[in-house]
C-alpha atoms as a PDB file:
ATOM      1  CA  MET A   1      33.154  -3.296 -13.927  1.00  0.00           C
ATOM      2  CA  PHE A   2      32.119  -5.552 -11.066  1.00  0.00           C
ATOM      3  CA  ALA A   3      33.272  -9.162 -11.230  1.00  0.00           C
ATOM      4  CA  ALA A   4      31.688 -11.565  -8.763  1.00  0.00           C
ATOM      5  CA  ALA A   5      34.181 -13.717  -6.950  1.00  0.00           C
ATOM      6  CA  SER A   6      33.347 -17.379  -6.746  1.00  0.00           C
ATOM      7  CA  LEU A   7      32.174 -18.566  -3.361  1.00  0.00           C
ATOM      8  CA  THR A   8      35.018 -20.385  -1.657  1.00  0.00           C
ATOM      9  CA  SER A   9      33.638 -21.178   1.794  1.00  0.00           C
ATOM     10  CA  ALA A  10      32.473 -24.672   2.633  1.00  0.00           C
ATOM     11  CA  SER A  11      29.445 -24.010   4.845  1.00  0.00           C
ATOM     12  CA  LYS A  12      26.231 -22.356   3.684  1.00  0.00           C
ATOM     13  CA  PRO A  13      26.419 -19.593   6.321  1.00  0.00           C
ATOM     14  CA  GLU A  14      29.953 -18.754   5.163  1.00  0.00           C
ATOM     15  CA  GLN A  15      28.866 -18.803   1.513  1.00  0.00           C
ATOM     16  CA  TYR A  16      25.998 -16.433   2.274  1.00  0.00           C
ATOM     17  CA  ALA A  17      28.345 -14.133   4.224  1.00  0.00           C
ATOM     18  CA  GLU A  18      30.602 -13.940   1.142  1.00  0.00           C
ATOM     19  CA  LEU A  19      27.621 -13.420  -1.148  1.00  0.00           C
ATOM     20  CA  CYS A  20      26.277 -10.633   1.084  1.00  0.00           C
ATOM     21  CA  GLU A  21      29.661  -8.907   0.909  1.00  0.00           C
ATOM     22  CA  GLN A  22      29.572  -9.155  -2.896  1.00  0.00           C
ATOM     23  CA  ALA A  23      25.989  -7.845  -3.010  1.00  0.00           C
ATOM     24  CA  ARG A  24      26.890  -4.829  -0.856  1.00  0.00           C
ATOM     25  CA  GLY A  25      29.778  -4.013  -3.203  1.00  0.00           C
ATOM     26  CA  LEU A  26      27.674  -4.496  -6.332  1.00  0.00           C
ATOM     27  CA  LEU A  27      24.793  -2.306  -5.132  1.00  0.00           C
ATOM     28  CA  HIS A  28      26.872   0.355  -3.376  1.00  0.00           C
ATOM     29  CA  GLY A  29      26.052   3.862  -4.533  1.00  0.00           C
ATOM     30  CA  GLU A  30      23.187   2.888  -6.835  1.00  0.00           C
ATOM     31  CA  ARG A  31      19.551   3.522  -5.851  1.00  0.00           C
ATOM     32  CA  ASP A  32      17.725   2.580  -9.053  1.00  0.00           C
ATOM     33  CA  ARG A  33      15.411  -0.333  -8.263  1.00  0.00           C
ATOM     34  CA  ILE A  34      15.527  -1.951 -11.707  1.00  0.00           C
ATOM     35  CA  ALA A  35      19.303  -1.681 -12.085  1.00  0.00           C
ATOM     36  CA  ASN A  36      19.903  -3.090  -8.601  1.00  0.00           C
ATOM     37  CA  ALA A  37      17.336  -5.858  -9.038  1.00  0.00           C
ATOM     38  CA  ALA A  38      18.846  -6.938 -12.365  1.00  0.00           C
ATOM     39  CA  ASN A  39      22.403  -7.083 -11.032  1.00  0.00           C
ATOM     40  CA  PHE A  40      21.311  -8.680  -7.746  1.00  0.00           C
ATOM     41  CA  ALA A  41      19.390 -11.447  -9.521  1.00  0.00           C
ATOM     42  CA  ALA A  42      22.343 -12.189 -11.800  1.00  0.00           C
ATOM     43  CA  LEU A  43      24.769 -12.239  -8.861  1.00  0.00           C
ATOM     44  CA  VAL A  44      22.748 -14.752  -6.834  1.00  0.00           C
ATOM     45  CA  TYR A  45      21.753 -16.898  -9.818  1.00  0.00           C
ATOM     46  CA  HIS A  46      25.357 -17.397 -10.883  1.00  0.00           C
ATOM     47  CA  ALA A  47      26.827 -17.723  -7.369  1.00  0.00           C
ATOM     48  CA  LEU A  48      24.633 -20.402  -5.812  1.00  0.00           C
ATOM     49  CA  PRO A  49      24.369 -23.991  -7.059  1.00  0.00           C
ATOM     50  CA  ASP A  50      21.208 -25.787  -8.146  1.00  0.00           C
ATOM     51  CA  LEU A  51      19.069 -22.785  -9.091  1.00  0.00           C
ATOM     52  CA  ASN A  52      16.872 -22.489 -12.169  1.00  0.00           C
ATOM     53  CA  TRP A  53      15.245 -19.116 -11.405  1.00  0.00           C
ATOM     54  CA  ALA A  54      16.119 -16.111  -9.254  1.00  0.00           C
ATOM     55  CA  GLY A  55      14.302 -12.836  -9.416  1.00  0.00           C
ATOM     56  CA  PHE A  56      11.825 -10.288  -8.227  1.00  0.00           C
ATOM     57  CA  TYR A  57       8.118  -9.703  -8.274  1.00  0.00           C
ATOM     58  CA  PHE A  58       7.250  -6.095  -7.433  1.00  0.00           C
ATOM     59  CA  PHE A  59       3.962  -4.995  -5.872  1.00  0.00           C
ATOM     60  CA  ASP A  60       2.111  -2.485  -8.062  1.00  0.00           C
ATOM     61  CA  GLY A  61      -0.538  -1.663  -5.461  1.00  0.00           C
ATOM     62  CA  ARG A  62      -2.834  -4.521  -6.475  1.00  0.00           C
ATOM     63  CA  GLU A  63      -0.725  -7.566  -7.372  1.00  0.00           C
ATOM     64  CA  LEU A  64       2.829  -8.820  -7.845  1.00  0.00           C
ATOM     65  CA  VAL A  65       4.347  -8.116 -11.273  1.00  0.00           C
ATOM     66  CA  VAL A  66       7.491  -9.839 -12.551  1.00  0.00           C
ATOM     67  CA  GLY A  67      10.655  -7.769 -12.357  1.00  0.00           C
ATOM     68  CA  PRO A  68      14.277  -8.459 -13.255  1.00  0.00           C
ATOM     69  CA  PHE A  69      15.254 -12.131 -13.063  1.00  0.00           C
ATOM     70  CA  GLN A  70      17.559 -14.857 -14.308  1.00  0.00           C
ATOM     71  CA  GLY A  71      16.098 -18.078 -15.692  1.00  0.00           C
ATOM     72  CA  ARG A  72      13.309 -19.089 -18.036  1.00  0.00           C
ATOM     73  CA  PRO A  73      10.385 -16.785 -18.813  1.00  0.00           C
ATOM     74  CA  ALA A  74       8.112 -16.347 -15.817  1.00  0.00           C
ATOM     75  CA  CYS A  75       4.505 -15.751 -14.896  1.00  0.00           C
ATOM     76  CA  VAL A  76       3.847 -12.030 -15.266  1.00  0.00           C
ATOM     77  CA  ARG A  77       1.243 -11.340 -12.552  1.00  0.00           C
ATOM     78  CA  ILE A  78       0.536 -13.057  -9.241  1.00  0.00           C
ATOM     79  CA  ALA A  79      -2.334 -12.183  -6.920  1.00  0.00           C
ATOM     80  CA  LEU A  80      -1.576 -11.649  -3.238  1.00  0.00           C
ATOM     81  CA  GLY A  81      -2.231 -14.882  -1.375  1.00  0.00           C
ATOM     82  CA  THR A  82      -1.804 -17.004  -4.522  1.00  0.00           C
ATOM     83  CA  GLY A  83       1.104 -19.415  -4.957  1.00  0.00           C
ATOM     84  CA  VAL A  84       4.324 -19.258  -2.949  1.00  0.00           C
ATOM     85  CA  CYS A  85       5.087 -15.652  -3.926  1.00  0.00           C
ATOM     86  CA  GLY A  86       1.592 -14.449  -3.103  1.00  0.00           C
ATOM     87  CA  ALA A  87       1.678 -16.331   0.220  1.00  0.00           C
ATOM     88  CA  ALA A  88       4.975 -14.682   1.209  1.00  0.00           C
ATOM     89  CA  ALA A  89       3.603 -11.236   0.381  1.00  0.00           C
ATOM     90  CA  ALA A  90       0.283 -11.802   2.154  1.00  0.00           C
ATOM     91  CA  THR A  91       1.705 -13.412   5.319  1.00  0.00           C
ATOM     92  CA  ARG A  92       4.798 -11.170   5.474  1.00  0.00           C
ATOM     93  CA  GLN A  93       6.834 -14.334   6.131  1.00  0.00           C
ATOM     94  CA  THR A  94       9.544 -16.100   4.175  1.00  0.00           C
ATOM     95  CA  GLN A  95       8.233 -19.254   2.548  1.00  0.00           C
ATOM     96  CA  VAL A  96      10.596 -22.242   2.325  1.00  0.00           C
ATOM     97  CA  VAL A  97       8.950 -24.926   0.219  1.00  0.00           C
ATOM     98  CA  ARG A  98      10.743 -28.270   0.066  1.00  0.00           C
ATOM     99  CA  ASP A  99       8.384 -29.661  -2.605  1.00  0.00           C
ATOM    100  CA  VAL A 100       6.441 -27.153  -4.689  1.00  0.00           C
ATOM    101  CA  HIS A 101       4.072 -29.880  -5.905  1.00  0.00           C
ATOM    102  CA  ALA A 102       2.883 -30.323  -2.312  1.00  0.00           C
ATOM    103  CA  PHE A 103       2.213 -26.581  -1.853  1.00  0.00           C
ATOM    104  CA  PRO A 104      -1.511 -25.801  -2.219  1.00  0.00           C
ATOM    105  CA  GLY A 105      -2.061 -23.405  -5.107  1.00  0.00           C
ATOM    106  CA  HIS A 106       1.534 -23.516  -6.378  1.00  0.00           C
ATOM    107  CA  ILE A 107       1.905 -21.687  -9.696  1.00  0.00           C
ATOM    108  CA  ALA A 108       4.105 -23.717 -12.034  1.00  0.00           C
ATOM    109  CA  CYS A 109       5.889 -21.145 -14.207  1.00  0.00           C
ATOM    110  CA  ASP A 110       8.735 -23.606 -14.885  1.00  0.00           C
ATOM    111  CA  ALA A 111       7.847 -27.300 -14.767  1.00  0.00           C
ATOM    112  CA  ALA A 112      11.465 -28.084 -13.783  1.00  0.00           C
ATOM    113  CA  SER A 113      11.140 -26.301 -10.421  1.00  0.00           C
ATOM    114  CA  ARG A 114      10.921 -28.660  -7.459  1.00  0.00           C
ATOM    115  CA  SER A 115      11.625 -26.400  -4.454  1.00  0.00           C
ATOM    116  CA  GLU A 116      11.374 -22.677  -3.785  1.00  0.00           C
ATOM    117  CA  ILE A 117      12.183 -19.942  -1.302  1.00  0.00           C
ATOM    118  CA  VAL A 118      10.432 -16.565  -1.329  1.00  0.00           C
ATOM    119  CA  VAL A 119      11.339 -13.609   0.901  1.00  0.00           C
ATOM    120  CA  PRO A 120       8.850 -10.726   1.209  1.00  0.00           C
ATOM    121  CA  LEU A 121      10.373  -7.269   0.725  1.00  0.00           C
ATOM    122  CA  PHE A 122       9.140  -4.434   2.918  1.00  0.00           C
ATOM    123  CA  ASP A 123      10.213  -0.852   3.434  1.00  0.00           C
ATOM    124  CA  GLY A 124       8.791  -0.322   6.905  1.00  0.00           C
ATOM    125  CA  GLU A 125       5.162  -1.401   6.527  1.00  0.00           C
ATOM    126  CA  ARG A 126       5.042  -0.837   2.745  1.00  0.00           C
ATOM    127  CA  LEU A 127       5.173  -3.970   0.573  1.00  0.00           C
ATOM    128  CA  ILE A 128       7.791  -3.601  -2.170  1.00  0.00           C
ATOM    129  CA  GLY A 129       7.482  -7.126  -3.547  1.00  0.00           C
ATOM    130  CA  VAL A 130       9.179 -10.498  -3.126  1.00  0.00           C
ATOM    131  CA  TRP A 131      12.567 -12.073  -3.827  1.00  0.00           C
ATOM    132  CA  ASP A 132      11.900 -15.506  -5.373  1.00  0.00           C
ATOM    133  CA  VAL A 133      14.389 -18.336  -5.951  1.00  0.00           C
ATOM    134  CA  ASP A 134      13.559 -21.738  -7.466  1.00  0.00           C
ATOM    135  CA  SER A 135      15.518 -24.961  -7.763  1.00  0.00           C
ATOM    136  CA  PRO A 136      15.118 -28.099  -9.874  1.00  0.00           C
ATOM    137  CA  LYS A 137      16.356 -30.021  -6.810  1.00  0.00           C
ATOM    138  CA  LEU A 138      13.840 -31.290  -4.260  1.00  0.00           C
ATOM    139  CA  ALA A 139      14.390 -29.839  -0.753  1.00  0.00           C
ATOM    140  CA  ARG A 140      17.166 -27.516  -2.007  1.00  0.00           C
ATOM    141  CA  PHE A 141      16.427 -24.823   0.598  1.00  0.00           C
ATOM    142  CA  ASP A 142      16.748 -25.033   4.390  1.00  0.00           C
ATOM    143  CA  ASP A 143      17.028 -22.742   7.424  1.00  0.00           C
ATOM    144  CA  ASP A 144      20.557 -21.665   6.422  1.00  0.00           C
ATOM    145  CA  ASP A 145      19.129 -20.562   3.061  1.00  0.00           C
ATOM    146  CA  ARG A 146      16.285 -18.770   4.832  1.00  0.00           C
ATOM    147  CA  ALA A 147      18.725 -16.776   6.967  1.00  0.00           C
ATOM    148  CA  GLY A 148      21.025 -16.084   4.017  1.00  0.00           C
ATOM    149  CA  MET A 149      18.268 -15.065   1.611  1.00  0.00           C
ATOM    150  CA  GLU A 150      16.660 -12.825   4.238  1.00  0.00           C
ATOM    151  CA  GLN A 151      20.012 -11.088   4.785  1.00  0.00           C
ATOM    152  CA  LEU A 152      20.508 -10.693   1.035  1.00  0.00           C
ATOM    153  CA  ALA A 153      16.984  -9.279   0.678  1.00  0.00           C
ATOM    154  CA  SER A 154      17.671  -6.739   3.421  1.00  0.00           C
ATOM    155  CA  ILE A 155      20.786  -5.596   1.509  1.00  0.00           C
ATOM    156  CA  PHE A 156      18.677  -5.118  -1.621  1.00  0.00           C
ATOM    157  CA  VAL A 157      16.006  -3.121   0.240  1.00  0.00           C
ATOM    158  CA  ALA A 158      18.683  -0.967   1.935  1.00  0.00           C
ATOM    159  CA  SER A 159      20.199  -0.202  -1.486  1.00  0.00           C
ATOM    160  CA  LEU A 160      16.937   1.418  -2.531  1.00  0.00           C
ATOM    161  CA  ARG A 161      17.315   3.891   0.334  1.00  0.00           C
ATOM    162  CA  GLY A 162      20.967   4.545  -0.527  1.00  0.00           C
ATOM    163  CA  MET A 163      22.283   2.876   2.615  1.00  0.00           C
END
């Protein structure tokens, strides 16, 4: 049984380095997308402070469909280009939103969410989906979170290839 160690480092980059190490260990040897997504979401949700949702939306060929997550029930389907998740998928760029209420077209699945970060997931050119994390804290996410979440997302995508 895997037991996540609590993050002990003081700086965000150090915390993400520890979390990446834990994610590699948790996902090692498993290639099932649902199993890895479920464990990955739980790991991040319980390791980082001030989160109220952490999970995946997977691309089904037409739209994003909710996958494994931690938090309150979520919107089930999101069109590409709609909301923060759809914007990340359509632009192929991580979206760091300091205030979701200021984001045009934001989809409010949980009224408590105030800020959000969404990392698009690609295997080469093929869209897999997005990794989405919300916080009830305004301006919770910054460039350190962007770098850390992008590294975590790359570990998840690599796990699907058995790397």
